[in-house]
């Protein structure tokens, strides 16, 4: 089984992914749940096409939220 960490980052307007180097997928969505589903569909396909890997994959989702705020000076 292969294990990958998928970072889900909120950046003011949308969610995007940052993955382990050999997985290397970048996806975006305005919805966290939709992005998780996109990752779940893309990872097996990417591994099979790019690495010839067919088998179990464990995904560990980590979340991060970034916000830009303006002071009232």
N, C-alpha and C. Protein backbone atom coordinates (compact mmCIF):
# COMPACT_ATOMS: atom_id res chain seq x y z
N UNK A 1 0.86 -1.18 0.00
CA UNK A 1 0.00 0.00 0.00
C UNK A 1 0.90 1.24 0.00
N UNK A 2 0.48 2.20 -0.77
CA UNK A 2 1.17 3.50 -0.79
C UNK A 2 0.36 4.50 0.03
N UNK A 3 1.07 5.39 0.71
CA UNK A 3 0.44 6.42 1.52
C UNK A 3 0.89 7.79 1.04
N UNK A 4 -0.08 8.70 0.89
CA UNK A 4 0.22 10.05 0.44
C UNK A 4 -0.46 11.06 1.35
N UNK A 5 0.22 12.16 1.59
CA UNK A 5 -0.35 13.27 2.33
C UNK A 5 -0.84 14.30 1.32
N UNK A 6 -2.11 14.67 1.44
CA UNK A 6 -2.70 15.68 0.57
C UNK A 6 -3.05 16.88 1.43
N UNK A 7 -2.38 17.99 1.19
CA UNK A 7 -2.68 19.21 1.93
C UNK A 7 -3.78 19.95 1.21
N UNK A 8 -4.82 20.28 1.94
CA UNK A 8 -5.97 21.01 1.41
C UNK A 8 -5.87 22.42 2.00
N UNK A 9 -5.65 23.40 1.15
CA UNK A 9 -5.37 24.76 1.60
C UNK A 9 -6.48 25.70 1.14
N UNK A 10 -7.08 26.41 2.10
CA UNK A 10 -8.08 27.44 1.78
C UNK A 10 -7.32 28.74 1.63
N UNK A 11 -7.49 29.41 0.52
CA UNK A 11 -6.75 30.65 0.25
C UNK A 11 -7.72 31.75 -0.18
N UNK A 12 -8.46 32.26 0.77
CA UNK A 12 -9.42 33.35 0.61
C UNK A 12 -10.66 33.02 -0.22
N UNK A 13 -10.52 32.46 -1.40
CA UNK A 13 -11.67 32.23 -2.27
C UNK A 13 -11.90 30.77 -2.66
N UNK A 14 -10.91 29.93 -2.48
CA UNK A 14 -11.03 28.57 -2.98
C UNK A 14 -10.10 27.62 -2.22
N UNK A 15 -10.39 26.33 -2.35
CA UNK A 15 -9.53 25.27 -1.83
C UNK A 15 -8.60 24.82 -2.94
N UNK A 16 -7.35 24.51 -2.60
CA UNK A 16 -6.45 23.88 -3.56
C UNK A 16 -5.59 22.84 -2.86
N UNK A 17 -4.99 21.96 -3.63
CA UNK A 17 -4.20 20.88 -3.07
C UNK A 17 -2.72 21.11 -3.24
N UNK A 18 -1.98 20.49 -2.34
CA UNK A 18 -0.53 20.41 -2.42
C UNK A 18 -0.20 18.98 -2.01
N UNK A 19 0.44 18.20 -2.87
CA UNK A 19 0.64 16.78 -2.59
C UNK A 19 2.11 16.42 -2.53
N UNK A 20 2.37 15.20 -2.08
CA UNK A 20 3.72 14.66 -2.09
C UNK A 20 4.32 14.78 -3.48
N UNK A 21 5.64 14.89 -3.53
CA UNK A 21 6.31 15.18 -4.80
C UNK A 21 6.07 14.14 -5.89
N UNK A 22 6.06 12.85 -5.58
CA UNK A 22 5.90 11.88 -6.66
C UNK A 22 4.45 11.74 -7.11
N UNK A 23 3.50 12.24 -6.32
CA UNK A 23 2.10 12.22 -6.73
C UNK A 23 1.82 13.43 -7.62
N UNK A 24 2.19 14.61 -7.16
CA UNK A 24 2.20 15.81 -7.97
C UNK A 24 0.92 16.24 -8.64
N UNK A 25 -0.23 16.14 -7.95
CA UNK A 25 -1.46 16.64 -8.56
C UNK A 25 -1.83 17.97 -7.92
N UNK A 26 -2.37 18.85 -8.74
CA UNK A 26 -2.84 20.14 -8.27
C UNK A 26 -4.28 20.29 -8.73
N UNK A 27 -5.18 20.44 -7.77
CA UNK A 27 -6.60 20.58 -8.07
C UNK A 27 -7.15 21.75 -7.27
N UNK A 28 -8.23 22.35 -7.75
CA UNK A 28 -8.88 23.44 -7.02
C UNK A 28 -10.39 23.24 -7.01
N UNK A 29 -11.04 23.86 -6.03
CA UNK A 29 -12.49 23.84 -5.95
C UNK A 29 -12.95 24.89 -4.94
N UNK A 30 -14.16 25.35 -5.09
CA UNK A 30 -14.72 26.29 -4.11
C UNK A 30 -15.31 25.54 -2.92
N UNK A 31 -15.43 24.22 -3.03
CA UNK A 31 -16.01 23.39 -1.97
C UNK A 31 -14.99 22.36 -1.48
N UNK A 32 -14.84 22.27 -0.16
CA UNK A 32 -13.92 21.29 0.42
C UNK A 32 -14.32 19.87 0.04
N UNK A 33 -15.60 19.54 0.21
CA UNK A 33 -16.07 18.18 -0.09
C UNK A 33 -15.88 17.81 -1.56
N UNK A 34 -16.12 18.76 -2.46
CA UNK A 34 -15.93 18.50 -3.88
C UNK A 34 -14.45 18.27 -4.20
N UNK A 35 -13.58 19.01 -3.52
CA UNK A 35 -12.15 18.83 -3.75
C UNK A 35 -11.69 17.46 -3.24
N UNK A 36 -12.19 17.03 -2.10
CA UNK A 36 -11.85 15.70 -1.60
C UNK A 36 -12.26 14.64 -2.62
N UNK A 37 -13.45 14.77 -3.15
CA UNK A 37 -13.93 13.80 -4.14
C UNK A 37 -13.07 13.83 -5.41
N UNK A 38 -12.68 15.00 -5.84
CA UNK A 38 -11.81 15.11 -7.03
C UNK A 38 -10.48 14.42 -6.79
N UNK A 39 -9.92 14.61 -5.59
CA UNK A 39 -8.65 13.97 -5.24
C UNK A 39 -8.82 12.45 -5.24
N UNK A 40 -9.90 11.98 -4.64
CA UNK A 40 -10.14 10.54 -4.56
C UNK A 40 -10.27 9.91 -5.95
N UNK A 41 -10.77 10.63 -6.91
CA UNK A 41 -10.88 10.13 -8.28
C UNK A 41 -9.55 10.24 -9.05
N UNK A 42 -8.82 11.32 -8.82
CA UNK A 42 -7.61 11.60 -9.58
C UNK A 42 -6.40 10.77 -9.16
N UNK A 43 -6.26 10.52 -7.86
CA UNK A 43 -5.05 9.85 -7.38
C UNK A 43 -4.85 8.46 -7.99
N UNK A 44 -5.84 7.56 -7.94
CA UNK A 44 -5.60 6.24 -8.55
C UNK A 44 -5.28 6.33 -10.05
N UNK A 45 -5.96 7.23 -10.74
CA UNK A 45 -5.71 7.39 -12.18
C UNK A 45 -4.29 7.88 -12.44
N UNK A 46 -3.85 8.88 -11.67
CA UNK A 46 -2.51 9.42 -11.84
C UNK A 46 -1.44 8.36 -11.53
N UNK A 47 -1.64 7.60 -10.47
CA UNK A 47 -0.66 6.57 -10.11
C UNK A 47 -0.57 5.49 -11.18
N UNK A 48 -1.70 5.11 -11.73
CA UNK A 48 -1.68 4.08 -12.75
C UNK A 48 -1.03 4.59 -14.04
N UNK A 49 -1.40 5.80 -14.46
CA UNK A 49 -0.87 6.35 -15.70
C UNK A 49 0.61 6.72 -15.60
N UNK A 50 1.01 7.35 -14.50
CA UNK A 50 2.38 7.86 -14.37
C UNK A 50 3.38 6.86 -13.81
N UNK A 51 2.92 5.94 -12.96
CA UNK A 51 3.83 5.03 -12.27
C UNK A 51 3.55 3.57 -12.57
N UNK A 52 2.44 3.28 -13.23
CA UNK A 52 2.05 1.91 -13.47
C UNK A 52 1.61 1.19 -12.20
N UNK A 53 1.29 1.95 -11.16
CA UNK A 53 0.91 1.36 -9.87
C UNK A 53 -0.58 1.05 -9.84
N UNK A 54 -0.90 -0.18 -9.46
CA UNK A 54 -2.27 -0.60 -9.22
C UNK A 54 -2.27 -1.28 -7.86
N UNK A 55 -3.04 -0.76 -6.94
CA UNK A 55 -3.10 -1.33 -5.60
C UNK A 55 -3.74 -0.36 -4.63
N UNK A 56 -3.65 -0.68 -3.36
CA UNK A 56 -4.27 0.15 -2.34
C UNK A 56 -3.49 1.45 -2.14
N UNK A 57 -4.23 2.52 -1.89
CA UNK A 57 -3.64 3.84 -1.62
C UNK A 57 -4.31 4.41 -0.39
N UNK A 58 -3.50 4.88 0.55
CA UNK A 58 -4.01 5.57 1.73
C UNK A 58 -3.77 7.07 1.54
N UNK A 59 -4.82 7.87 1.69
CA UNK A 59 -4.71 9.31 1.58
C UNK A 59 -4.89 9.91 2.96
N UNK A 60 -3.95 10.76 3.35
CA UNK A 60 -4.05 11.49 4.60
C UNK A 60 -4.30 12.95 4.22
N UNK A 61 -5.46 13.47 4.61
CA UNK A 61 -5.83 14.84 4.28
C UNK A 61 -5.47 15.75 5.45
N UNK A 62 -4.68 16.78 5.15
CA UNK A 62 -4.36 17.81 6.13
C UNK A 62 -4.95 19.11 5.62
N UNK A 63 -5.49 19.92 6.53
CA UNK A 63 -6.08 21.18 6.09
C UNK A 63 -5.30 22.37 6.64
N UNK A 64 -5.33 23.44 5.86
CA UNK A 64 -4.68 24.70 6.23
C UNK A 64 -5.57 25.82 5.72
N UNK A 65 -5.69 26.86 6.50
CA UNK A 65 -6.51 28.00 6.08
C UNK A 65 -5.66 29.26 6.13
N UNK A 66 -5.65 29.99 5.03
CA UNK A 66 -4.94 31.26 4.94
C UNK A 66 -5.97 32.36 4.73
N UNK A 67 -5.80 33.46 5.41
CA UNK A 67 -6.68 34.61 5.20
C UNK A 67 -5.86 35.88 5.16
N UNK A 68 -6.28 36.80 4.34
CA UNK A 68 -5.66 38.11 4.27
C UNK A 68 -6.62 39.11 4.88
N UNK A 69 -6.17 39.82 5.87
CA UNK A 69 -6.99 40.80 6.57
C UNK A 69 -6.40 42.19 6.36
N UNK A 70 -7.24 43.19 6.42
CA UNK A 70 -6.80 44.57 6.28
C UNK A 70 -7.04 45.30 7.61
N UNK A 71 -6.03 46.01 8.02
CA UNK A 71 -6.18 46.82 9.23
C UNK A 71 -6.90 48.11 8.88
N UNK A 72 -7.46 48.75 9.87
CA UNK A 72 -8.22 49.98 9.60
C UNK A 72 -7.41 51.22 10.00
N UNK A 73 -6.17 51.25 9.63
CA UNK A 73 -5.30 52.38 9.98
C UNK A 73 -5.51 53.55 9.06
